[in-house]
Amino acid sequence: QVQLVESGGGLVQAGGSLRLSCAAPGSIFSINTMGWYRQAPGKQRELVAAITTGGRVNYADSVKGRFTISRDNAKNMVVLQMNSLKPEDKAVYYCNAVAYPIRWGQGTQVTVSS
């Protein structure tokens, strides 16, 4: 029940796009700022985008202007639209509540070829 499920990853060419989706429990989604994180092998997990319950968004400098985070309150979904992808975007992408994260989901792999 208390579970995060990420989907939408895949293999794309540099410059391409992917749309990631995260299904979150309503009890978490409705009261928390939600974020998309990524973790590359040997690297720390980093927050790349966040959206508050009111729809205010913030982005890491590395993705600003290329990624867009949004939320669908009716579906308890958080979406990350990723455009102009670069090889350095390759990572496993996760979603979670930002301030009080719950158990991490399996993530979804994003691979960008050059």
C-alpha atoms as a PDB file:
ATOM      1  CA  GLN A   1       0.000   0.000   0.000  1.00  0.00           C
ATOM      2  CA  VAL A   2       2.720   2.456   0.964  1.00  0.00           C
ATOM      3  CA  GLN A   3       4.690   2.034  -2.217  1.00  0.00           C
ATOM      4  CA  LEU A   4       6.317   4.141  -4.917  1.00  0.00           C
ATOM      5  CA  VAL A   5       6.353   2.852  -8.474  1.00  0.00           C
ATOM      6  CA  GLU A   6       8.453   4.571 -11.118  1.00  0.00           C
ATOM      7  CA  SER A   7       8.125   3.901 -14.820  1.00  0.00           C
ATOM      8  CA  GLY A   8       8.956   5.318 -18.217  1.00  0.00           C
ATOM      9  CA  GLY A   9      12.706   4.933 -18.382  1.00  0.00           C
ATOM     10  CA  GLY A  10      14.531   3.574 -21.366  1.00  0.00           C
ATOM     11  CA  LEU A  11      17.312   4.068 -23.866  1.00  0.00           C
ATOM     12  CA  VAL A  12      17.375   7.253 -25.910  1.00  0.00           C
ATOM     13  CA  GLN A  13      19.802   9.140 -28.099  1.00  0.00           C
ATOM     14  CA  ALA A  14      21.382  12.330 -26.839  1.00  0.00           C
ATOM     15  CA  GLY A  15      18.963  15.147 -27.484  1.00  0.00           C
ATOM     16  CA  GLY A  16      15.971  12.886 -27.114  1.00  0.00           C
ATOM     17  CA  SER A  17      13.152  12.882 -24.608  1.00  0.00           C
ATOM     18  CA  LEU A  18      11.589  10.619 -22.027  1.00  0.00           C
ATOM     19  CA  ARG A  19       8.622  10.996 -19.725  1.00  0.00           C
ATOM     20  CA  LEU A  20       8.904   9.376 -16.332  1.00  0.00           C
ATOM     21  CA  SER A  21       5.900   8.678 -14.142  1.00  0.00           C
ATOM     22  CA  CYS A  22       5.641   7.978 -10.434  1.00  0.00           C
ATOM     23  CA  ALA A  23       2.623   6.495  -8.736  1.00  0.00           C
ATOM     24  CA  ALA A  24       2.554   7.461  -5.085  1.00  0.00           C
ATOM     25  CA  PRO A  25       0.245   6.631  -2.202  1.00  0.00           C
ATOM     26  CA  GLY A  26      -2.405   9.281  -1.880  1.00  0.00           C
ATOM     27  CA  SER A  27      -1.643   9.795   1.789  1.00  0.00           C
ATOM     28  CA  ILE A  28       1.916  10.728   0.855  1.00  0.00           C
ATOM     29  CA  PHE A  29       1.229  12.527  -2.378  1.00  0.00           C
ATOM     30  CA  SER A  30      -1.448  14.827  -1.025  1.00  0.00           C
ATOM     31  CA  ILE A  31       0.557  16.419   1.787  1.00  0.00           C
ATOM     32  CA  ASN A  32       4.177  16.318   0.675  1.00  0.00           C
ATOM     33  CA  THR A  33       6.489  18.051  -1.677  1.00  0.00           C
ATOM     34  CA  MET A  34       7.401  15.334  -4.158  1.00  0.00           C
ATOM     35  CA  GLY A  35      10.737  15.025  -5.856  1.00  0.00           C
ATOM     36  CA  TRP A  36      12.524  13.189  -8.591  1.00  0.00           C
ATOM     37  CA  TYR A  37      15.975  11.923  -7.718  1.00  0.00           C
ATOM     38  CA  ARG A  38      18.632  10.165  -9.702  1.00  0.00           C
ATOM     39  CA  GLN A  39      21.595   8.012  -8.837  1.00  0.00           C
ATOM     40  CA  ALA A  40      24.377   7.035 -11.180  1.00  0.00           C
ATOM     41  CA  PRO A  41      26.739   4.151 -10.362  1.00  0.00           C
ATOM     42  CA  GLY A  42      29.278   5.194  -7.760  1.00  0.00           C
ATOM     43  CA  LYS A  43      27.528   8.507  -7.179  1.00  0.00           C
ATOM     44  CA  GLN A  44      25.286   9.844  -4.462  1.00  0.00           C
ATOM     45  CA  ARG A  45      21.588  10.143  -5.036  1.00  0.00           C
ATOM     46  CA  GLU A  46      20.728  13.694  -6.031  1.00  0.00           C
ATOM     47  CA  LEU A  47      17.493  15.627  -6.140  1.00  0.00           C
ATOM     48  CA  VAL A  48      16.892  16.939  -9.637  1.00  0.00           C
ATOM     49  CA  ALA A  49      13.365  18.352  -9.424  1.00  0.00           C
ATOM     50  CA  ALA A  50      10.692  18.965  -6.812  1.00  0.00           C
ATOM     51  CA  ILE A  51       7.106  20.133  -6.754  1.00  0.00           C
ATOM     52  CA  THR A  52       5.074  21.296  -3.777  1.00  0.00           C
ATOM     53  CA  THR A  53       1.456  20.488  -3.087  1.00  0.00           C
ATOM     54  CA  GLY A  54       0.651  23.905  -4.483  1.00  0.00           C
ATOM     55  CA  GLY A  55       2.556  23.325  -7.696  1.00  0.00           C
ATOM     56  CA  ARG A  56       5.686  25.354  -7.010  1.00  0.00           C
ATOM     57  CA  VAL A  57       8.674  23.764  -8.740  1.00  0.00           C
ATOM     58  CA  ASN A  58      12.419  23.760  -8.253  1.00  0.00           C
ATOM     59  CA  TYR A  59      15.174  22.227 -10.339  1.00  0.00           C
ATOM     60  CA  ALA A  60      18.794  21.374  -9.993  1.00  0.00           C
ATOM     61  CA  ASP A  61      20.959  23.625 -12.123  1.00  0.00           C
ATOM     62  CA  SER A  62      22.046  20.649 -14.183  1.00  0.00           C
ATOM     63  CA  VAL A  63      18.526  20.020 -15.495  1.00  0.00           C
ATOM     64  CA  LYS A  64      16.989  23.479 -15.427  1.00  0.00           C
ATOM     65  CA  GLY A  65      15.454  24.359 -18.752  1.00  0.00           C
ATOM     66  CA  ARG A  66      15.438  20.744 -19.900  1.00  0.00           C
ATOM     67  CA  PHE A  67      13.287  18.883 -17.358  1.00  0.00           C
ATOM     68  CA  THR A  68       9.770  19.691 -16.217  1.00  0.00           C
ATOM     69  CA  ILE A  69       8.156  18.226 -13.121  1.00  0.00           C
ATOM     70  CA  SER A  70       4.393  18.157 -12.739  1.00  0.00           C
ATOM     71  CA  ARG A  71       1.779  16.451 -10.638  1.00  0.00           C
ATOM     72  CA  ASP A  72      -1.618  15.027 -11.428  1.00  0.00           C
ATOM     73  CA  ASN A  73      -3.544  15.267  -8.187  1.00  0.00           C
ATOM     74  CA  ALA A  74      -6.463  13.215  -9.461  1.00  0.00           C
ATOM     75  CA  LYS A  75      -4.181  10.286 -10.250  1.00  0.00           C
ATOM     76  CA  ASN A  76      -1.614  10.664  -7.452  1.00  0.00           C
ATOM     77  CA  MET A  77       1.073  10.807 -10.108  1.00  0.00           C
ATOM     78  CA  VAL A  78       4.271  12.810 -10.382  1.00  0.00           C
ATOM     79  CA  VAL A  79       5.687  13.220 -13.856  1.00  0.00           C
ATOM     80  CA  LEU A  80       9.139  14.206 -15.034  1.00  0.00           C
ATOM     81  CA  GLN A  81       9.321  15.290 -18.644  1.00  0.00           C
ATOM     82  CA  MET A  82      12.943  15.043 -19.726  1.00  0.00           C
ATOM     83  CA  ASN A  83      13.988  16.825 -22.908  1.00  0.00           C
ATOM     84  CA  SER A  84      17.345  17.459 -24.546  1.00  0.00           C
ATOM     85  CA  LEU A  85      18.798  14.493 -22.726  1.00  0.00           C
ATOM     86  CA  LYS A  86      22.542  14.269 -22.286  1.00  0.00           C
ATOM     87  CA  PRO A  87      24.766  11.270 -21.576  1.00  0.00           C
ATOM     88  CA  GLU A  88      25.384  12.618 -18.087  1.00  0.00           C
ATOM     89  CA  ASP A  89      21.680  12.197 -17.365  1.00  0.00           C
ATOM     90  CA  LYS A  90      22.169   8.437 -17.349  1.00  0.00           C
ATOM     91  CA  ALA A  91      21.055   7.154 -13.956  1.00  0.00           C
ATOM     92  CA  VAL A  92      18.357   5.303 -12.116  1.00  0.00           C
ATOM     93  CA  TYR A  93      15.573   7.765 -11.412  1.00  0.00           C
ATOM     94  CA  TYR A  94      13.474   7.607  -8.260  1.00  0.00           C
ATOM     95  CA  CYS A  95      10.626   9.596  -6.817  1.00  0.00           C
ATOM     96  CA  ASN A  96       9.859  10.231  -3.176  1.00  0.00           C
ATOM     97  CA  ALA A  97       8.565  12.738  -0.694  1.00  0.00           C
ATOM     98  CA  VAL A  98      11.314  15.262  -0.145  1.00  0.00           C
ATOM     99  CA  ALA A  99      11.163  16.145   3.544  1.00  0.00           C
ATOM    100  CA  TYR A 100       9.977  12.806   4.906  1.00  0.00           C
ATOM    101  CA  PRO A 101      10.773  10.092   2.375  1.00  0.00           C
ATOM    102  CA  ILE A 102       9.207   6.680   2.588  1.00  0.00           C
ATOM    103  CA  ARG A 103      10.630   3.384   1.383  1.00  0.00           C
ATOM    104  CA  TRP A 104      12.338   3.876  -1.959  1.00  0.00           C
ATOM    105  CA  GLY A 105      10.849   2.233  -4.991  1.00  0.00           C
ATOM    106  CA  GLN A 106      12.737   0.251  -7.600  1.00  0.00           C
ATOM    107  CA  GLY A 107      13.462   3.274  -9.746  1.00  0.00           C
ATOM    108  CA  THR A 108      13.514   3.404 -13.514  1.00  0.00           C
ATOM    109  CA  GLN A 109      16.671   3.291 -15.615  1.00  0.00           C
ATOM    110  CA  VAL A 110      17.445   6.118 -18.005  1.00  0.00           C
ATOM    111  CA  THR A 111      20.231   5.528 -20.492  1.00  0.00           C
ATOM    112  CA  VAL A 112      21.345   8.185 -22.962  1.00  0.00           C
ATOM    113  CA  SER A 113      23.607   7.223 -25.823  1.00  0.00           C
ATOM    114  CA  SER A 114      25.946   9.572 -27.657  1.00  0.00           C
END
